[in-house]
Amino acid sequence: MSKVQTLEYKEKLISEIKGFKEKGESFLRKELTVAEFKGISGGMGVYAQKGGEQFMLRLRVSSGILSREYSDLILRLAEKFGIEKLHLTTRQAIQLHDLNLDEVCEIMEESIRNGLYTRGGGGNFPRNVALSPLSGVEKGEAFDVTPFAVCTGEYLMEHITEYRLPRKFKIAYSNGGRDNAGCTSTDLGFLAVVKEGKPYFKVYLAGGLGNNPAFGIELKELIEPSKALHYVEAAIRLFMAEGDYQNKGKARLRYVPVRIGEEAFLDAFYDKLKEVEGDDSFTEFAEEFAACDTKIEKNTKTNQEVISPDKGEVILEQKQESLFAVRIHPICGQFKISDFKILRDFMDEILEAEKENNTPDIRLSMDESLFVRNLTKKQAEILLDKLAAMNMVISLSRSISCVGTPSCQVGMIASQELIHAALDYMKAEGINPNRLPQLSVSGCLNSCARHQISPLGFTGIKRRVDNEPVDAFDLHICGSSLEGACHLGKMVGSMRKKDIPAFLGKLAATLENLDKEYTDYANDMEEDFLKLIDEFKIS
């Protein structure tokens, strides 16, 4: 049994709740400022919502692997506390919103007792370890990176109460070049590759999005997967040694190579790596990590085959013969509990049917979707029919959005409203939106929706137009996180929030008239695209 699942470990985390609740009560009495409370609550996975009366709680679903036990727990909590919806995050976690302080503390304790943690879900801690959601079933993947992500997550959780970092620290494991876990644009990323028939990781260090975004520095060496945890510990030690504890705005790891130079930064990293390799106290963890299995598949097909394209590319053929994965995407990641129960009941039906020998599972993704994996084709089609009313299947409707206002304390704009408004506009005007890409909409500069590496990204801002304040968004085009083709989107101007649906409508109509897909149009006809954008820009 992992140490993080022992009764002793759980009781240790539960013991923190009383002190946290006292601080929360002080905050509600206005004895603590928003910033002061955030410094306390973030590490518990809790944030006050705008207005300071209600709270958000982040359930740290390890690498997005949503087990049957966790699903049942969430449904029990939803029934007990009258929770109507879940928010699937862009870090493969689940957020519960509009809770009072007592509810937060009760949910936190019950979750801990069932092995589902919130500790380190926010604040200056290592966050949930990201993982390609189709790892283990995707055709063309280098190898299944799931065990490495899980072991890394357990290692971090064992030490979660001990970390004193300058700011948050993010780790990602991707199973191949499509980089669905975002390892090229995070603090520490591991990308699975195969060389001469053997498994390795490419390593990316000191990347990140938000203010002053950067892709990670690609290290020259490929490493054996069993050594990844050494790199994790070395990077964290480097961050603690060199990170900026004074200036929060420059406290992320990506600022260190800017400050001291890339060569000095890498020298410092390798010094920490040597230190870790010589640390006897690290040996136990390293040995457990080295036991993770790496099975190289002979199947070299590079893309998931799409079955039933009329269903919007939502049934994907797995590398396992006759098995399929289904993509479920609630609009803006807001999954109604009633729909989640339909999914859970369907999973139970399969597991209880003696004639079926497949074992389905659920993985959360980095784009507010989830994948139900290991289904027969018939099961996949039945599930899609059951959830047809809520499942978003075209790219525009599967757009990514942070929660934004009115929930988020730092959000400037109601980001989710933009996606709804765009879809409503297309329907009202009779415009076919199928050629538009998936949007990434962040309510502020923090890039929670990863707008900076999106084909079409929006950042919430406030602007003055005719001397009046207006809700607006900066527009980013042609970003990409694909391994080997990483580039940040180009910021090409600002638009009023109310004008963006019309802009997207004209873009959709233009693509349809030209018989072009968005990426081809944006890259091959950039001058025309920029002229179209100019029609809607704020001058």
Protein backbone atom coordinates (compact mmCIF):
# COMPACT_ATOMS: atom_id res chain seq x y z
CA MET A 1 0.00 0.00 0.00
CA SER A 2 1.21 3.50 -0.86
CA LYS A 3 2.03 5.60 2.18
CA VAL A 4 -0.49 8.20 1.02
CA GLN A 5 -3.29 5.66 1.49
CA THR A 6 -2.40 4.68 5.07
CA LEU A 7 -4.58 5.64 8.02
CA GLU A 8 -1.66 7.47 9.62
CA TYR A 9 -1.20 9.68 6.56
CA LYS A 10 -4.93 10.43 6.30
CA GLU A 11 -5.16 11.36 9.98
CA LYS A 12 -2.22 13.72 9.53
CA LEU A 13 -4.09 15.63 6.81
CA ILE A 14 -7.38 15.54 8.71
CA SER A 15 -5.67 17.11 11.73
CA GLU A 16 -5.00 20.25 9.65
CA ILE A 17 -8.68 20.92 8.97
CA LYS A 18 -9.55 22.36 12.39
CA GLY A 19 -6.87 25.06 12.11
CA PHE A 20 -7.90 25.82 8.54
CA LYS A 21 -11.53 26.22 9.58
CA GLU A 22 -10.55 28.72 12.27
CA LYS A 23 -8.71 30.78 9.66
CA GLY A 24 -11.73 30.54 7.37
CA GLU A 25 -13.99 31.85 10.11
CA SER A 26 -11.57 34.75 10.65
CA PHE A 27 -11.76 35.50 6.92
CA LEU A 28 -15.56 35.49 6.98
CA ARG A 29 -15.44 37.96 9.90
CA LYS A 30 -13.22 40.19 7.69
CA GLU A 31 -10.26 39.76 10.04
CA LEU A 32 -8.15 38.39 7.18
CA THR A 33 -7.83 39.97 3.75
CA VAL A 34 -8.50 38.01 0.56
CA ALA A 35 -4.74 37.80 -0.08
CA GLU A 36 -3.99 36.65 3.47
CA PHE A 37 -6.63 33.94 3.34
CA LYS A 38 -5.54 32.83 -0.12
CA GLY A 39 -2.03 32.29 1.22
CA ILE A 40 -3.51 29.91 3.79
CA SER A 41 -6.33 28.26 1.84
CA GLY A 42 -4.54 27.56 -1.45
CA GLY A 43 -2.39 24.84 0.04
CA MET A 44 -5.57 23.13 1.25
CA GLY A 45 -7.02 23.19 -2.27
CA VAL A 46 -9.58 25.85 -1.32
CA TYR A 47 -10.21 29.32 -2.73
CA ALA A 48 -12.73 31.95 -1.74
CA GLN A 49 -15.00 32.92 -4.60
CA LYS A 50 -15.70 36.51 -5.53
CA GLY A 51 -17.68 38.18 -2.78
CA GLY A 52 -15.92 36.20 -0.07
CA GLU A 53 -18.97 34.26 1.14
CA GLN A 54 -18.66 31.01 -0.80
CA PHE A 55 -15.75 28.74 -1.64
CA MET A 56 -14.33 26.44 -4.29
CA LEU A 57 -12.76 23.11 -3.35
CA ARG A 58 -10.40 21.29 -5.73
CA LEU A 59 -10.35 17.50 -5.59
CA ARG A 60 -6.90 16.37 -6.64
CA VAL A 61 -7.77 13.41 -8.89
CA SER A 62 -4.32 11.88 -9.33
CA SER A 63 -3.29 12.38 -12.98
CA GLY A 64 -6.96 12.43 -13.93
CA ILE A 65 -7.50 8.73 -13.17
CA LEU A 66 -11.09 8.75 -11.92
CA SER A 67 -11.62 5.41 -10.21
CA ARG A 68 -14.95 3.74 -9.51
CA GLU A 69 -14.47 4.47 -5.80
CA TYR A 70 -13.83 8.17 -6.43
CA SER A 71 -16.85 8.43 -8.73
CA ASP A 72 -19.07 6.87 -6.09
CA LEU A 73 -17.65 9.20 -3.44
CA ILE A 74 -18.36 12.27 -5.59
CA LEU A 75 -21.96 11.18 -6.12
CA ARG A 76 -22.44 10.62 -2.38
CA LEU A 77 -21.01 14.05 -1.62
CA ALA A 78 -23.18 15.67 -4.29
CA GLU A 79 -26.33 14.11 -2.85
CA LYS A 80 -25.40 14.99 0.74
CA PHE A 81 -24.52 18.62 0.05
CA GLY A 82 -26.89 19.41 -2.81
CA ILE A 83 -24.11 19.88 -5.37
CA GLU A 84 -25.58 20.20 -8.85
CA LYS A 85 -22.48 20.20 -11.05
CA LEU A 86 -18.77 19.47 -11.18
CA HIS A 87 -16.15 21.51 -13.00
CA LEU A 88 -13.59 19.45 -14.93
CA THR A 89 -10.38 21.49 -14.86
CA THR A 90 -7.49 21.90 -17.28
CA ARG A 91 -5.24 20.13 -14.77
CA GLN A 92 -7.25 16.90 -14.65
CA ALA A 93 -8.87 17.74 -11.33
CA ILE A 94 -12.49 18.27 -10.23
CA GLN A 95 -13.70 21.49 -8.64
CA LEU A 96 -16.78 21.93 -6.48
CA HIS A 97 -18.15 25.46 -6.32
CA ASP A 98 -20.56 27.56 -4.24
CA LEU A 99 -19.81 25.82 -0.94
CA ASN A 100 -19.94 27.30 2.53
CA LEU A 101 -17.05 26.86 4.95
CA ASP A 102 -18.66 24.02 6.92
CA GLU A 103 -19.36 22.13 3.70
CA VAL A 104 -15.78 22.62 2.52
CA CYS A 105 -14.39 21.16 5.73
CA GLU A 106 -16.82 18.22 5.81
CA ILE A 107 -16.15 17.34 2.17
CA MET A 108 -12.43 17.67 2.70
CA GLU A 109 -12.45 15.26 5.64
CA GLU A 110 -14.70 12.70 3.95
CA SER A 111 -12.57 12.84 0.80
CA ILE A 112 -9.36 12.31 2.76
CA ARG A 113 -10.84 9.28 4.51
CA ASN A 114 -11.54 7.84 1.07
CA GLY A 115 -8.08 8.61 -0.30
CA LEU A 116 -9.05 11.57 -2.47
CA TYR A 117 -7.01 14.62 -1.48
CA THR A 118 -7.21 18.38 -1.82
CA ARG A 119 -3.88 19.16 -0.11
CA GLY A 120 -1.53 21.01 -2.45
CA GLY A 121 -4.34 21.54 -4.95
CA GLY A 122 -3.45 25.23 -4.89
CA GLY A 123 -0.86 27.49 -3.34
CA ASN A 124 2.91 27.14 -3.51
CA PHE A 125 3.03 23.39 -3.95
CA PRO A 126 3.59 20.76 -6.64
CA ARG A 127 0.25 20.47 -8.40
CA ASN A 128 -1.52 17.46 -9.87
CA VAL A 129 0.85 15.54 -12.17
CA ALA A 130 -0.54 15.81 -15.72
CA LEU A 131 -0.87 12.69 -17.90
CA SER A 132 -1.93 12.00 -21.48
CA PRO A 133 -5.52 10.76 -20.97
CA LEU A 134 -5.23 8.00 -23.59
CA SER A 135 -1.90 6.72 -22.28
CA GLY A 136 -1.99 2.94 -22.38
CA VAL A 137 -4.62 2.68 -25.11
CA GLU A 138 -3.52 5.15 -27.80
CA LYS A 139 -2.34 3.84 -31.14
CA GLY A 140 1.15 5.03 -31.97
CA GLU A 141 2.12 5.99 -28.43
CA ALA A 142 5.74 5.39 -27.48
CA PHE A 143 4.76 3.57 -24.28
CA ASP A 144 2.28 3.85 -21.43
CA VAL A 145 3.51 6.57 -19.09
CA THR A 146 0.68 6.09 -16.56
CA PRO A 147 2.72 4.28 -13.88
CA PHE A 148 5.40 7.00 -13.91
CA ALA A 149 2.86 9.80 -13.51
CA VAL A 150 1.08 7.93 -10.71
CA CYS A 151 4.31 7.15 -8.84
CA THR A 152 5.45 10.76 -9.18
CA GLY A 153 2.13 11.96 -7.82
CA GLU A 154 2.37 9.61 -4.84
CA TYR A 155 5.92 10.77 -4.15
CA LEU A 156 4.85 14.41 -4.15
CA MET A 157 1.86 13.71 -1.91
CA GLU A 158 4.04 11.92 0.62
CA HIS A 159 5.95 15.19 1.08
CA ILE A 160 3.15 17.65 0.39
CA THR A 161 3.09 19.16 3.88
CA GLU A 162 6.86 19.68 3.83
CA TYR A 163 7.27 21.74 0.65
CA ARG A 164 8.13 25.42 0.92
CA LEU A 165 8.28 26.53 -2.70
CA PRO A 166 8.39 30.08 -4.11
CA ARG A 167 5.22 29.32 -6.10
CA LYS A 168 3.42 26.40 -7.72
CA PHE A 169 5.29 23.70 -9.60
CA LYS A 170 3.81 21.62 -12.42
CA ILE A 171 4.94 18.28 -13.88
CA ALA A 172 3.60 16.48 -16.95
CA TYR A 173 4.03 13.09 -18.63
CA SER A 174 3.10 12.71 -22.30
CA ASN A 175 2.96 9.39 -24.09
CA GLY A 176 4.04 10.76 -27.47
CA GLY A 177 4.58 13.72 -29.77
CA ARG A 178 1.04 15.05 -29.63
CA ASP A 179 1.90 16.10 -26.07
CA ASN A 180 -1.63 15.95 -24.70
CA ALA A 181 -0.30 16.54 -21.18
CA GLY A 182 1.51 19.77 -22.09
CA CYS A 183 5.00 18.64 -21.10
CA THR A 184 6.71 21.15 -23.42
CA SER A 185 5.06 24.13 -21.70
CA THR A 186 5.32 23.29 -18.01
CA ASP A 187 7.89 23.46 -15.22
CA LEU A 188 9.08 19.89 -15.82
CA GLY A 189 7.89 17.69 -18.64
CA PHE A 190 8.63 14.12 -19.70
CA LEU A 191 7.88 13.09 -23.27
CA ALA A 192 7.93 9.38 -24.09
CA VAL A 193 10.08 8.35 -27.05
CA VAL A 194 11.51 5.10 -28.37
CA LYS A 195 15.10 4.88 -29.64
CA GLU A 196 16.56 1.68 -31.02
CA GLY A 197 13.69 -0.26 -29.54
CA LYS A 198 14.15 1.07 -26.01
CA PRO A 199 11.98 3.49 -23.99
CA TYR A 200 13.27 6.91 -22.99
CA PHE A 201 12.03 10.30 -21.89
CA LYS A 202 12.85 13.62 -23.47
CA VAL A 203 12.98 16.14 -20.65
CA TYR A 204 11.77 19.75 -20.80
CA LEU A 205 12.64 22.14 -17.98
CA ALA A 206 11.42 25.61 -16.95
CA GLY A 207 8.48 26.10 -19.25
CA GLY A 208 5.15 27.64 -18.37
CA LEU A 209 2.26 29.83 -19.50
CA GLY A 210 0.76 33.06 -18.16
CA ASN A 211 2.84 36.22 -17.85
CA ASN A 212 6.09 35.94 -19.82
CA PRO A 213 5.33 32.45 -21.18
CA ALA A 214 8.09 30.12 -22.31
CA PHE A 215 8.52 26.62 -23.65
CA GLY A 216 10.72 24.36 -21.60
CA ILE A 217 14.43 23.98 -22.29
CA GLU A 218 14.92 20.60 -23.96
CA LEU A 219 17.74 18.76 -22.19
CA LYS A 220 20.31 17.19 -24.49
CA GLU A 221 20.16 13.71 -23.01
CA LEU A 222 17.41 11.14 -23.28
CA ILE A 223 16.89 9.51 -19.91
CA GLU A 224 15.81 6.04 -18.92
CA PRO A 225 12.26 6.20 -17.52
CA SER A 226 13.44 4.80 -14.19
CA LYS A 227 15.49 7.99 -13.66
CA ALA A 228 12.60 10.43 -14.03
CA LEU A 229 12.02 10.77 -10.29
CA HIS A 230 15.65 11.87 -9.84
CA TYR A 231 14.93 14.70 -12.28
CA VAL A 232 11.74 15.60 -10.41
CA GLU A 233 13.54 15.91 -7.10
CA ALA A 234 16.48 17.79 -8.63
CA ALA A 235 14.16 20.31 -10.32
CA ILE A 236 12.24 20.92 -7.09
CA ARG A 237 15.46 21.39 -5.12
CA LEU A 238 16.71 23.82 -7.77
CA PHE A 239 13.44 25.75 -7.61
CA MET A 240 13.67 26.02 -3.82
CA ALA A 241 17.29 27.18 -4.03
CA GLU A 242 17.01 29.65 -6.91
CA GLY A 243 13.36 30.70 -7.03
CA ASP A 244 12.28 34.23 -6.15
CA TYR A 245 10.57 34.22 -2.74
CA GLN A 246 10.17 38.02 -2.69
CA ASN A 247 8.55 38.90 -6.01
CA LYS A 248 5.50 36.69 -6.59
CA GLY A 249 5.21 37.95 -10.16
CA LYS A 250 8.57 36.37 -10.99
CA ALA A 251 8.48 33.37 -8.69
CA ARG A 252 7.95 30.62 -11.27
CA LEU A 253 10.84 28.39 -12.37
CA ARG A 254 10.90 29.84 -15.90
CA TYR A 255 12.22 33.15 -14.55
CA VAL A 256 15.38 31.56 -13.13
CA PRO A 257 17.18 30.92 -16.48
CA VAL A 258 16.18 34.43 -17.56
CA ARG A 259 17.77 35.87 -14.41
CA ILE A 260 20.99 33.82 -14.24
CA GLY A 261 21.33 32.68 -17.85
CA GLU A 262 20.44 29.33 -19.40
CA GLU A 263 23.95 27.86 -19.09
CA ALA A 264 24.23 28.71 -15.39
CA PHE A 265 20.69 27.43 -14.86
CA LEU A 266 21.48 24.05 -16.42
CA ASP A 267 24.75 23.81 -14.48
CA ALA A 268 22.80 24.42 -11.27
CA PHE A 269 20.26 21.77 -12.26
CA TYR A 270 22.88 19.11 -12.91
CA ASP A 271 24.55 19.98 -9.59
CA LYS A 272 21.22 19.26 -7.89
CA LEU A 273 20.87 16.04 -9.88
CA LYS A 274 24.25 14.84 -8.59
CA GLU A 275 23.17 15.77 -5.09
CA VAL A 276 20.00 13.69 -5.45
CA GLU A 277 21.90 10.71 -6.88
CA GLY A 278 24.14 10.74 -3.83
CA ASP A 279 21.31 11.13 -1.32
CA ASP A 280 20.75 7.83 0.51
CA SER A 281 17.38 9.04 1.85
CA PHE A 282 16.12 9.22 -1.72
CA THR A 283 17.05 5.60 -2.53
CA GLU A 284 13.83 4.03 -1.25
CA PHE A 285 11.64 6.22 -3.44
CA ALA A 286 13.89 5.76 -6.45
CA GLU A 287 13.75 1.98 -6.16
CA GLU A 288 9.96 1.96 -6.07
CA PHE A 289 9.86 4.25 -9.08
CA ALA A 290 12.34 2.09 -11.02
CA ALA A 291 9.91 -0.83 -10.71
CA CYS A 292 7.41 0.89 -13.04
CA ASP A 293 6.82 -1.16 -16.16
CA THR A 294 7.68 0.08 -19.66
CA LYS A 295 6.21 -2.09 -22.36
CA ILE A 296 7.04 -1.17 -25.93
CA GLU A 297 4.23 -1.97 -28.35
CA LYS A 298 4.97 -3.22 -31.83
CA ASN A 299 1.99 -1.30 -33.20
CA THR A 300 3.46 1.71 -34.98
CA LYS A 301 0.27 3.33 -36.23
CA THR A 302 0.58 7.03 -35.51
CA ASN A 303 -3.00 8.25 -35.17
CA GLN A 304 -6.15 7.21 -33.38
CA GLU A 305 -8.65 6.05 -35.96
CA VAL A 306 -11.93 7.91 -35.69
CA ILE A 307 -15.02 5.75 -35.76
CA SER A 308 -18.40 7.33 -36.52
CA PRO A 309 -17.11 10.72 -37.73
CA ASP A 310 -20.76 11.86 -37.87
CA LYS A 311 -20.60 11.84 -34.07
CA GLY A 312 -17.92 14.52 -34.04
CA GLU A 313 -14.76 12.46 -33.57
CA VAL A 314 -15.83 11.15 -30.21
CA ILE A 315 -15.32 7.39 -30.64
CA LEU A 316 -11.65 6.48 -30.98
CA GLU A 317 -10.25 3.08 -31.82
CA GLN A 318 -7.75 1.85 -29.21
CA LYS A 319 -4.61 -0.15 -29.86
CA GLN A 320 -6.29 -3.03 -28.02
CA GLU A 321 -8.22 -5.08 -30.55
CA SER A 322 -11.96 -4.33 -30.74
CA LEU A 323 -11.89 -1.75 -27.94
CA PHE A 324 -12.72 1.93 -28.13
CA ALA A 325 -12.52 5.16 -26.14
CA VAL A 326 -15.31 7.73 -26.00
CA ARG A 327 -14.74 11.44 -25.47
CA ILE A 328 -17.31 13.17 -23.24
CA HIS A 329 -17.20 16.95 -23.08
CA PRO A 330 -19.73 18.93 -21.02
CA ILE A 331 -19.87 22.51 -22.22
CA CYS A 332 -17.20 24.62 -20.48
CA GLY A 333 -16.29 21.58 -18.40
CA GLN A 334 -19.48 21.95 -16.32
CA PHE A 335 -20.68 18.39 -15.74
CA LYS A 336 -24.17 18.20 -14.25
CA ILE A 337 -24.43 15.65 -11.45
CA SER A 338 -27.52 14.16 -13.13
CA ASP A 339 -25.44 13.45 -16.26
CA PHE A 340 -22.50 12.21 -14.22
CA LYS A 341 -24.84 9.73 -12.54
CA ILE A 342 -25.96 8.45 -15.94
CA LEU A 343 -22.32 7.82 -16.80
CA ARG A 344 -21.63 6.12 -13.48
CA ASP A 345 -24.73 3.89 -13.75
CA PHE A 346 -23.70 2.88 -17.26
CA MET A 347 -20.24 1.91 -16.01
CA ASP A 348 -21.85 -0.21 -13.30
CA GLU A 349 -24.01 -1.99 -15.86
CA ILE A 350 -20.92 -3.01 -17.84
CA LEU A 351 -18.95 -4.09 -14.79
CA GLU A 352 -21.84 -6.19 -13.51
CA ALA A 353 -22.57 -7.88 -16.85
CA GLU A 354 -20.93 -11.30 -16.68
CA LYS A 355 -20.85 -11.74 -20.45
CA GLU A 356 -18.50 -8.76 -20.93
CA ASN A 357 -14.81 -9.18 -20.20
CA ASN A 358 -13.68 -5.60 -20.80
CA THR A 359 -13.09 -3.28 -17.84
CA PRO A 360 -13.87 0.35 -18.69
CA ASP A 361 -12.16 3.22 -16.92
CA ILE A 362 -12.36 7.01 -16.87
CA ARG A 363 -9.53 9.47 -17.48
CA LEU A 364 -9.89 13.24 -17.22
CA SER A 365 -8.15 15.28 -19.90
CA MET A 366 -6.37 18.65 -20.02
CA ASP A 367 -9.19 20.23 -22.07
CA GLU A 368 -12.14 19.76 -19.70
CA SER A 369 -13.20 16.50 -21.32
CA LEU A 370 -13.11 12.97 -20.00
CA PHE A 371 -12.48 9.72 -21.81
CA VAL A 372 -14.30 6.50 -21.07
CA ARG A 373 -11.91 3.81 -22.24
CA ASN A 374 -11.95 0.08 -22.95
CA LEU A 375 -15.47 -0.07 -24.37
CA THR A 376 -16.79 -2.31 -27.10
CA LYS A 377 -18.10 -0.43 -30.12
CA LYS A 378 -21.68 -1.20 -29.11
CA GLN A 379 -21.07 0.06 -25.56
CA ALA A 380 -19.49 3.23 -26.93
CA GLU A 381 -22.50 3.97 -29.12
CA ILE A 382 -24.94 3.29 -26.28
CA LEU A 383 -23.06 5.64 -23.97
CA LEU A 384 -23.05 8.40 -26.57
CA ASP A 385 -26.79 8.02 -27.04
CA LYS A 386 -27.35 8.23 -23.28
CA LEU A 387 -25.33 11.46 -23.02
CA ALA A 388 -26.20 12.94 -26.41
CA ALA A 389 -28.07 15.90 -24.94
CA MET A 390 -25.06 17.18 -22.97
CA ASN A 391 -22.03 15.98 -24.89
CA MET A 392 -20.34 18.62 -27.02
CA VAL A 393 -19.03 17.07 -30.24
CA ILE A 394 -17.89 19.85 -32.60
CA SER A 395 -14.65 21.70 -31.92
CA LEU A 396 -16.26 25.06 -31.12
CA SER A 397 -18.60 23.52 -28.55
CA ARG A 398 -15.63 21.69 -26.99
CA SER A 399 -13.86 24.99 -26.37
CA ILE A 400 -11.87 25.31 -23.15
CA SER A 401 -12.74 27.92 -20.57
CA CYS A 402 -11.62 28.73 -17.05
CA VAL A 403 -14.41 29.40 -14.55
CA GLY A 404 -13.84 33.17 -14.83
CA THR A 405 -16.18 35.61 -13.12
CA PRO A 406 -18.27 35.60 -11.04
CA SER A 407 -16.54 32.70 -9.27
CA CYS A 408 -12.82 33.41 -9.60
CA GLN A 409 -11.26 36.07 -7.37
CA VAL A 410 -8.73 37.16 -10.01
CA GLY A 411 -10.90 36.62 -13.08
CA MET A 412 -11.66 39.81 -15.00
CA ILE A 413 -14.24 38.56 -17.51
CA ALA A 414 -17.00 35.92 -17.58
CA SER A 415 -15.06 33.62 -19.89
CA GLN A 416 -17.68 30.85 -20.09
CA GLU A 417 -20.27 33.35 -21.30
CA LEU A 418 -18.22 33.94 -24.44
CA ILE A 419 -18.44 30.29 -25.52
CA HIS A 420 -22.19 30.17 -24.93
CA ALA A 421 -22.66 33.46 -26.80
CA ALA A 422 -20.65 32.20 -29.78
CA LEU A 423 -22.70 29.01 -30.05
CA ASP A 424 -25.97 30.92 -29.69
CA TYR A 425 -24.90 33.34 -32.42
CA MET A 426 -24.05 30.55 -34.86
CA LYS A 427 -27.43 28.93 -34.28
CA ALA A 428 -29.40 32.18 -34.58
CA GLU A 429 -27.60 33.19 -37.78
CA GLY A 430 -27.70 29.74 -39.34
CA ILE A 431 -23.90 29.59 -39.67
CA ASN A 432 -22.09 26.25 -39.87
CA PRO A 433 -19.38 26.39 -37.14
CA ASN A 434 -17.77 23.03 -37.96
CA ARG A 435 -14.60 24.50 -39.48
CA LEU A 436 -13.81 26.63 -36.45
CA PRO A 437 -11.18 25.29 -34.06
CA GLN A 438 -11.54 24.64 -30.35
CA LEU A 439 -11.19 28.00 -28.58
CA SER A 440 -9.23 28.54 -25.38
CA VAL A 441 -10.75 31.29 -23.25
CA SER A 442 -9.03 32.58 -20.11
CA GLY A 443 -10.76 35.17 -17.94
CA CYS A 444 -7.45 36.87 -17.09
CA LEU A 445 -3.74 36.73 -17.93
CA ASN A 446 -3.14 33.53 -15.93
CA SER A 447 -3.72 31.25 -18.94
CA CYS A 448 -5.77 28.66 -17.05
CA ALA A 449 -7.31 27.75 -20.42
CA ARG A 450 -3.82 27.69 -22.04
CA HIS A 451 -4.84 30.32 -24.60
CA GLN A 452 -1.20 31.04 -25.48
CA ILE A 453 -0.70 27.66 -27.16
CA SER A 454 -4.14 27.50 -28.73
CA PRO A 455 -5.00 27.83 -32.42
CA LEU A 456 -7.43 30.56 -31.36
CA GLY A 457 -7.10 31.90 -27.82
CA PHE A 458 -8.72 34.72 -25.86
CA THR A 459 -7.53 36.52 -22.71
CA GLY A 460 -9.98 38.52 -20.61
CA ILE A 461 -9.09 42.19 -20.14
CA LYS A 462 -10.69 45.57 -19.44
CA ARG A 463 -10.37 48.26 -22.10
CA ARG A 464 -11.62 51.82 -22.54
CA VAL A 465 -13.52 52.51 -25.74
CA ASP A 466 -14.81 56.05 -26.34
CA ASN A 467 -13.72 56.76 -22.78
CA GLU A 468 -15.98 54.01 -21.42
CA PRO A 469 -14.78 50.78 -19.77
CA VAL A 470 -15.73 47.64 -21.70
CA ASP A 471 -15.27 43.90 -21.27
CA ALA A 472 -12.81 42.72 -23.88
CA PHE A 473 -10.43 39.95 -24.86
CA ASP A 474 -6.94 39.92 -26.35
CA LEU A 475 -6.82 37.58 -29.34
CA HIS A 476 -4.02 35.04 -29.84
CA ILE A 477 -3.76 33.05 -33.10
CA CYS A 478 -1.85 30.01 -34.32
CA GLY A 479 -0.36 28.71 -31.08
CA SER A 480 0.75 25.08 -30.87
CA SER A 481 2.05 22.68 -28.24
CA LEU A 482 2.85 19.82 -30.60
CA GLU A 483 6.28 18.38 -29.87
CA GLY A 484 8.65 19.54 -32.60
CA ALA A 485 6.32 22.40 -33.58
CA CYS A 486 5.94 24.34 -30.33
CA HIS A 487 5.22 28.02 -30.70
CA LEU A 488 3.27 30.61 -28.79
CA GLY A 489 0.28 32.20 -30.42
CA LYS A 490 0.64 35.67 -31.88
CA MET A 491 -1.29 38.37 -30.02
CA VAL A 492 -2.97 40.37 -32.79
CA GLY A 493 -5.19 42.83 -30.95
CA SER A 494 -8.20 43.20 -28.71
CA MET A 495 -11.94 42.83 -29.31
CA ARG A 496 -14.98 43.77 -27.31
CA LYS A 497 -16.56 40.72 -25.77
CA LYS A 498 -19.89 41.51 -27.41
CA ASP A 499 -18.29 41.64 -30.91
CA ILE A 500 -16.50 38.28 -30.76
CA PRO A 501 -19.47 36.05 -31.69
CA ALA A 502 -19.91 38.07 -34.89
CA PHE A 503 -16.17 37.80 -35.59
CA LEU A 504 -16.31 34.02 -35.16
CA GLY A 505 -19.42 33.88 -37.35
CA LYS A 506 -17.69 35.75 -40.16
CA LEU A 507 -14.60 33.57 -39.77
CA ALA A 508 -16.72 30.42 -39.96
CA ALA A 509 -18.53 31.68 -43.07
CA THR A 510 -15.21 32.64 -44.69
CA LEU A 511 -13.76 29.17 -44.08
CA GLU A 512 -16.87 27.57 -45.52
CA ASN A 513 -16.81 29.77 -48.64
CA LEU A 514 -13.09 29.07 -49.21
CA ASP A 515 -13.47 25.37 -48.40
CA LYS A 516 -10.54 25.66 -46.00
CA GLU A 517 -9.82 24.46 -42.50
CA TYR A 518 -8.88 27.09 -39.94
CA THR A 519 -5.20 26.14 -39.59
CA ASP A 520 -4.65 26.25 -43.37
CA TYR A 521 -6.41 29.59 -43.67
CA ALA A 522 -4.60 31.19 -40.72
CA ASN A 523 -1.18 30.06 -41.95
CA ASP A 524 -1.54 30.23 -45.74
CA MET A 525 -3.73 33.33 -45.96
CA GLU A 526 -2.49 35.24 -42.93
CA GLU A 527 -2.83 38.66 -44.58
CA ASP A 528 -6.50 38.05 -45.35
CA PHE A 529 -7.07 36.69 -41.86
CA LEU A 530 -5.53 39.77 -40.25
CA LYS A 531 -7.76 42.00 -42.39
CA LEU A 532 -10.79 40.10 -41.14
CA ILE A 533 -9.58 40.54 -37.56
CA ASP A 534 -9.06 44.28 -38.15
CA GLU A 535 -12.78 44.66 -38.87
CA PHE A 536 -13.54 43.75 -35.24
CA LYS A 537 -10.49 45.05 -33.37
CA ILE A 538 -10.61 47.83 -30.84
CA SER A 539 -8.54 50.67 -32.25
